[in-house]
Amino acid sequence: MKAAVDFGGNAPGGGVAASGLAGNPGIRSASEIFAVLAVAVVIIGGAEVLLRLFEVPDFVMPTPSAIVTALFRSMPEIAPHLGYTLVELVVGYAIGASIGMILAAVITQFPFVEKIITPYILLLVTTPMLALVPLLILNFGFGYTPRIIAVALASGPMVMINSATGFRRVDRAKIALAQVYGATTLQIFMRIRVPMAMPMIIVGLMMGAIFSVITAIGAEMSGGGFGLGSRLTTFSSTLRTADFFAVILILAVMGILIYAFFSWLGRRLAGWES
């Protein structure tokens, strides 16, 4: 993950890794799909059999079938909180990613700005965001605001660092040639730097999205009230273990969808770099 912390230079090794991740071909062939499904069936089926065989109480560890049943049974209760969490994620991530992209572009064009803001970015990256949640709640209350701020603070640096690294992964000869033909700084940035940085940008966006989910759930568990994180706290404290794992299942699906979306986006935009 060198590219995730080094944005002071070209880092060609990090660029190759980023390109591979952003352009991950994913699961395509029928044999690969079958293999993945077969492993899932073995794990889920094995868990079902073992839990029933040893008669493990549901409040300790529910069977997979009990979790699925709880998911459908409790969906009317869970659905509104899923909506609250999605609002926090979408708004906070949009703010954080936008600011991260803008700052990445600025520090690429104006190196002195990087020297000013780098200590603060590193401070955000190295500080556990959940540690700031109580302070945010103290200042902004128990509503959406502290959670959105926490999500933005968690996602922004990830997007900025990777995007800035990508913007510097540029063929100097192409820039020199563009300058010879009279290209402006903006044209060079949009037509050369951005396309060549696309794999790293996608990696940053994906990492920002993943950190957003983790931060949002943690903030909800700390702040209570509403959101999937608050449901985790409630279900855990009331020994509704099957419902607890039903929420975990929803979060796992969200994570898979995030990865699948950015893998698809990486394939669609892979041609930009070349």
Protein backbone atom coordinates (compact mmCIF):
# COMPACT_ATOMS: atom_id res chain seq x y z
CA MET A 1 0.00 0.00 0.00
CA LYS A 2 2.93 2.37 -0.67
CA ALA A 3 0.80 4.54 -2.90
CA ALA A 4 -1.61 5.12 -0.07
CA VAL A 5 0.95 7.05 1.99
CA ASP A 6 3.50 8.39 -0.52
CA PHE A 7 2.34 11.37 -2.51
CA GLY A 8 5.57 13.24 -2.78
CA GLY A 9 6.85 11.71 -6.02
CA ASN A 10 6.35 9.37 -8.92
CA ALA A 11 6.45 6.03 -7.06
CA PRO A 12 6.35 3.86 -10.17
CA GLY A 13 6.02 0.69 -8.14
CA GLY A 14 2.92 2.04 -6.44
CA GLY A 15 1.52 3.01 -9.81
CA VAL A 16 1.76 -0.50 -11.16
CA ALA A 17 -0.02 -1.90 -8.12
CA ALA A 18 -2.72 0.72 -8.42
CA SER A 19 -3.23 0.00 -12.08
CA GLY A 20 -3.62 -3.66 -11.33
CA LEU A 21 -6.18 -3.03 -8.62
CA ALA A 22 -8.18 -0.46 -10.56
CA GLY A 23 -8.20 -2.64 -13.63
CA ASN A 24 -8.88 -5.90 -11.84
CA PRO A 25 -10.69 -8.13 -14.32
CA GLY A 26 -12.73 -9.66 -11.51
CA ILE A 27 -14.68 -12.90 -11.82
CA ARG A 28 -15.67 -13.56 -15.41
CA SER A 29 -15.58 -17.22 -16.39
CA ALA A 30 -18.25 -19.72 -15.41
CA SER A 31 -15.64 -21.89 -13.70
CA GLU A 32 -14.56 -19.01 -11.46
CA ILE A 33 -18.17 -18.24 -10.54
CA PHE A 34 -18.79 -21.91 -9.78
CA ALA A 35 -15.66 -22.09 -7.60
CA VAL A 36 -16.70 -19.04 -5.58
CA LEU A 37 -20.23 -20.36 -5.10
CA ALA A 38 -18.95 -23.82 -4.19
CA VAL A 39 -16.72 -22.41 -1.45
CA ALA A 40 -19.62 -20.31 -0.14
CA VAL A 41 -21.91 -23.35 -0.05
CA VAL A 42 -19.30 -25.41 1.81
CA ILE A 43 -18.69 -22.68 4.42
CA ILE A 44 -22.36 -21.82 4.96
CA GLY A 45 -23.49 -25.44 4.86
CA GLY A 46 -20.73 -26.52 7.20
CA ALA A 47 -21.60 -23.77 9.68
CA GLU A 48 -25.28 -24.74 9.57
CA VAL A 49 -24.52 -28.41 10.21
CA LEU A 50 -21.98 -27.83 12.98
CA LEU A 51 -24.11 -25.30 14.86
CA ARG A 52 -27.10 -27.62 14.76
CA LEU A 53 -25.01 -30.67 15.61
CA PHE A 54 -23.54 -29.08 18.74
CA GLU A 55 -26.85 -27.37 19.58
CA VAL A 56 -25.29 -23.92 19.95
CA PRO A 57 -27.92 -21.47 21.26
CA ASP A 58 -29.04 -18.83 18.77
CA PHE A 59 -28.18 -16.01 21.15
CA VAL A 60 -24.57 -17.25 21.13
CA MET A 61 -24.17 -18.00 17.42
CA PRO A 62 -27.21 -18.29 15.15
CA THR A 63 -27.23 -20.60 12.16
CA PRO A 64 -27.00 -19.09 8.66
CA SER A 65 -30.64 -20.00 8.06
CA ALA A 66 -31.64 -18.17 11.26
CA ILE A 67 -29.71 -15.10 10.11
CA VAL A 68 -31.48 -15.06 6.74
CA THR A 69 -34.83 -15.52 8.48
CA ALA A 70 -34.01 -12.65 10.85
CA LEU A 71 -33.02 -10.46 7.91
CA PHE A 72 -36.41 -10.80 6.26
CA ARG A 73 -38.30 -10.64 9.55
CA SER A 74 -36.54 -7.51 10.78
CA MET A 75 -36.21 -5.73 7.44
CA PRO A 76 -39.10 -3.31 8.21
CA GLU A 77 -37.16 -2.27 11.31
CA ILE A 78 -33.74 -2.23 9.64
CA ALA A 79 -34.68 -0.54 6.34
CA PRO A 80 -35.17 3.01 7.70
CA HIS A 81 -31.81 2.83 9.46
CA LEU A 82 -30.19 1.61 6.24
CA GLY A 83 -31.56 4.75 4.60
CA TYR A 84 -30.08 6.95 7.34
CA THR A 85 -26.68 5.31 6.92
CA LEU A 86 -26.76 5.71 3.14
CA VAL A 87 -27.51 9.43 3.50
CA GLU A 88 -24.48 9.84 5.77
CA LEU A 89 -22.30 7.86 3.39
CA VAL A 90 -23.38 9.59 0.18
CA VAL A 91 -23.22 13.15 1.52
CA GLY A 92 -20.06 12.70 3.59
CA TYR A 93 -18.26 10.77 0.85
CA ALA A 94 -19.24 13.29 -1.82
CA ILE A 95 -17.89 16.15 0.27
CA GLY A 96 -14.71 14.33 1.27
CA ALA A 97 -13.93 12.98 -2.20
CA SER A 98 -14.57 16.35 -3.86
CA ILE A 99 -12.31 18.22 -1.45
CA GLY A 100 -9.69 15.47 -1.75
CA MET A 101 -9.65 15.70 -5.55
CA ILE A 102 -9.43 19.49 -5.49
CA LEU A 103 -6.57 19.48 -2.98
CA ALA A 104 -4.74 16.82 -5.01
CA ALA A 105 -4.97 19.00 -8.12
CA VAL A 106 -3.84 22.09 -6.20
CA ILE A 107 -0.78 20.53 -4.57
CA THR A 108 0.23 19.02 -7.91
CA GLN A 109 0.29 22.45 -9.54
CA PHE A 110 1.54 24.40 -6.51
CA PRO A 111 4.17 22.43 -4.54
CA PHE A 112 4.41 25.08 -1.80
CA VAL A 113 0.77 24.36 -0.89
CA GLU A 114 1.70 20.72 -0.33
CA LYS A 115 4.32 21.73 2.23
CA ILE A 116 1.67 23.68 4.13
CA ILE A 117 -1.13 21.11 4.24
CA THR A 118 0.86 17.84 4.34
CA PRO A 119 1.25 17.81 8.16
CA TYR A 120 -2.50 18.22 8.59
CA ILE A 121 -3.32 15.50 6.07
CA LEU A 122 -0.92 13.10 7.77
CA LEU A 123 -2.52 14.00 11.10
CA LEU A 124 -5.94 13.05 9.73
CA VAL A 125 -4.62 9.81 8.25
CA THR A 126 -2.86 8.68 11.43
CA THR A 127 -5.61 9.73 13.86
CA PRO A 128 -8.35 7.11 14.42
CA MET A 129 -11.39 8.97 13.16
CA LEU A 130 -13.66 7.24 15.66
CA ALA A 131 -11.69 8.94 18.44
CA LEU A 132 -12.95 12.28 17.14
CA VAL A 133 -16.61 11.25 17.01
CA PRO A 134 -17.39 12.13 20.66
CA LEU A 135 -15.85 15.57 20.12
CA LEU A 136 -17.90 16.08 16.96
CA ILE A 137 -21.06 15.00 18.76
CA LEU A 138 -20.27 17.41 21.59
CA ASN A 139 -19.99 20.30 19.13
CA PHE A 140 -22.66 19.39 16.56
CA GLY A 141 -25.18 17.27 18.45
CA PHE A 142 -26.54 13.79 17.72
CA GLY A 143 -27.90 14.42 14.22
CA TYR A 144 -26.46 13.85 10.77
CA THR A 145 -23.85 16.62 10.97
CA PRO A 146 -21.14 14.96 13.13
CA ARG A 147 -21.43 11.70 11.21
CA ILE A 148 -21.19 13.41 7.82
CA ILE A 149 -18.16 15.38 8.99
CA ALA A 150 -16.51 12.18 10.27
CA VAL A 151 -17.14 10.41 6.95
CA ALA A 152 -15.76 13.36 4.99
CA LEU A 153 -12.65 13.51 7.17
CA ALA A 154 -12.10 9.77 6.73
CA SER A 155 -12.58 9.65 2.96
CA GLY A 156 -10.98 12.93 1.87
CA PRO A 157 -7.34 12.15 2.72
CA MET A 158 -7.51 8.73 1.03
CA VAL A 159 -8.75 10.30 -2.19
CA MET A 160 -6.28 13.16 -2.02
CA ILE A 161 -3.16 11.09 -1.34
CA ASN A 162 -3.79 8.54 -4.08
CA SER A 163 -4.96 11.13 -6.61
CA ALA A 164 -1.92 13.34 -5.99
CA THR A 165 0.35 10.33 -6.45
CA GLY A 166 -1.43 9.57 -9.72
CA PHE A 167 -1.19 13.13 -10.99
CA ARG A 168 2.59 12.88 -10.61
CA ARG A 169 2.75 9.58 -12.50
CA VAL A 170 3.08 11.44 -15.74
CA ASP A 171 5.22 11.09 -18.84
CA ARG A 172 7.30 14.27 -18.87
CA ALA A 173 7.88 13.89 -22.60
CA LYS A 174 4.14 14.13 -23.24
CA ILE A 175 3.91 17.30 -21.19
CA ALA A 176 6.88 18.82 -23.02
CA LEU A 177 5.34 17.93 -26.37
CA ALA A 178 2.00 19.42 -25.36
CA GLN A 179 3.74 22.63 -24.28
CA VAL A 180 5.49 22.83 -27.62
CA TYR A 181 2.09 22.71 -29.31
CA GLY A 182 0.86 25.52 -27.07
CA ALA A 183 -1.30 23.55 -24.64
CA THR A 184 -2.36 25.46 -21.54
CA THR A 185 -1.79 24.25 -17.99
CA LEU A 186 -5.46 23.30 -17.71
CA GLN A 187 -5.37 21.38 -21.00
CA ILE A 188 -2.26 19.50 -19.91
CA PHE A 189 -3.86 18.66 -16.60
CA MET A 190 -7.17 17.45 -18.06
CA ARG A 191 -5.79 15.63 -21.12
CA ILE A 192 -2.53 14.20 -19.79
CA ARG A 193 -2.37 14.17 -15.99
CA VAL A 194 -5.96 13.08 -15.31
CA PRO A 195 -6.00 10.16 -17.82
CA MET A 196 -2.65 8.87 -16.59
CA ALA A 197 -3.74 9.24 -12.97
CA MET A 198 -7.05 7.43 -13.44
CA PRO A 199 -5.96 4.07 -11.90
CA MET A 200 -4.71 5.82 -8.77
CA ILE A 201 -7.78 8.04 -8.60
CA ILE A 202 -10.02 4.97 -8.66
CA VAL A 203 -7.95 3.31 -5.94
CA GLY A 204 -8.29 6.44 -3.82
CA LEU A 205 -12.03 6.62 -4.40
CA MET A 206 -12.44 2.96 -3.45
CA MET A 207 -10.35 3.31 -0.31
CA GLY A 208 -12.27 6.45 0.60
CA ALA A 209 -15.57 4.62 0.17
CA ILE A 210 -14.44 1.72 2.35
CA PHE A 211 -13.18 4.04 5.08
CA SER A 212 -16.47 5.94 4.84
CA VAL A 213 -18.50 2.82 5.65
CA ILE A 214 -16.26 1.90 8.59
CA THR A 215 -16.38 5.43 9.97
CA ALA A 216 -20.13 5.86 9.50
CA ILE A 217 -20.93 2.62 11.32
CA GLY A 218 -18.51 3.44 14.13
CA ALA A 219 -19.98 6.92 14.51
CA GLU A 220 -23.49 5.48 14.67
CA MET A 221 -22.44 2.99 17.33
CA SER A 222 -20.93 5.82 19.37
CA GLY A 223 -23.73 8.33 18.81
CA GLY A 224 -26.71 5.98 18.89
CA GLY A 225 -30.16 7.08 17.80
CA PHE A 226 -30.35 5.98 14.20
CA GLY A 227 -28.38 4.16 11.51
CA LEU A 228 -27.17 0.60 11.05
CA GLY A 229 -24.48 1.12 13.67
CA SER A 230 -27.10 1.97 16.28
CA ARG A 231 -28.98 -1.20 15.33
CA LEU A 232 -25.82 -3.23 15.93
CA THR A 233 -25.55 -1.75 19.41
CA THR A 234 -29.23 -2.34 20.16
CA PHE A 235 -29.32 -5.90 18.86
CA SER A 236 -26.11 -6.79 20.70
CA SER A 237 -27.29 -5.39 24.04
CA THR A 238 -30.65 -7.18 23.79
CA LEU A 239 -29.14 -10.53 22.71
CA ARG A 240 -30.87 -10.38 19.31
CA THR A 241 -27.84 -12.08 17.83
CA ALA A 242 -29.51 -13.23 14.61
CA ASP A 243 -30.65 -9.66 13.90
CA PHE A 244 -27.13 -8.45 14.72
CA PHE A 245 -25.64 -10.76 12.10
CA ALA A 246 -28.37 -9.76 9.65
CA VAL A 247 -27.06 -6.19 9.83
CA ILE A 248 -23.50 -7.50 9.44
CA LEU A 249 -24.68 -9.33 6.32
CA ILE A 250 -26.07 -6.08 4.89
CA LEU A 251 -22.76 -4.33 5.57
CA ALA A 252 -20.85 -7.17 3.92
CA VAL A 253 -23.01 -6.85 0.82
CA MET A 254 -22.36 -3.10 0.80
CA GLY A 255 -18.62 -3.75 0.87
CA ILE A 256 -18.84 -6.24 -1.98
CA LEU A 257 -20.89 -3.80 -4.05
CA ILE A 258 -18.35 -1.03 -3.46
CA TYR A 259 -15.51 -3.27 -4.61
CA ALA A 260 -17.48 -4.51 -7.62
CA PHE A 261 -18.44 -0.97 -8.66
CA PHE A 262 -14.90 0.39 -8.58
CA SER A 263 -13.54 -2.73 -10.30
CA TRP A 264 -16.10 -2.17 -13.06
CA LEU A 265 -15.23 1.53 -13.19
CA GLY A 266 -11.54 0.69 -13.43
CA ARG A 267 -12.18 -1.57 -16.43
CA ARG A 268 -14.33 1.04 -18.13
CA LEU A 269 -11.72 3.76 -17.71
CA ALA A 270 -8.63 1.59 -18.22
CA GLY A 271 -8.17 2.98 -21.73
CA TRP A 272 -7.70 6.51 -20.42
CA GLU A 273 -4.24 5.78 -19.03
CA SER A 274 -2.94 4.57 -22.40
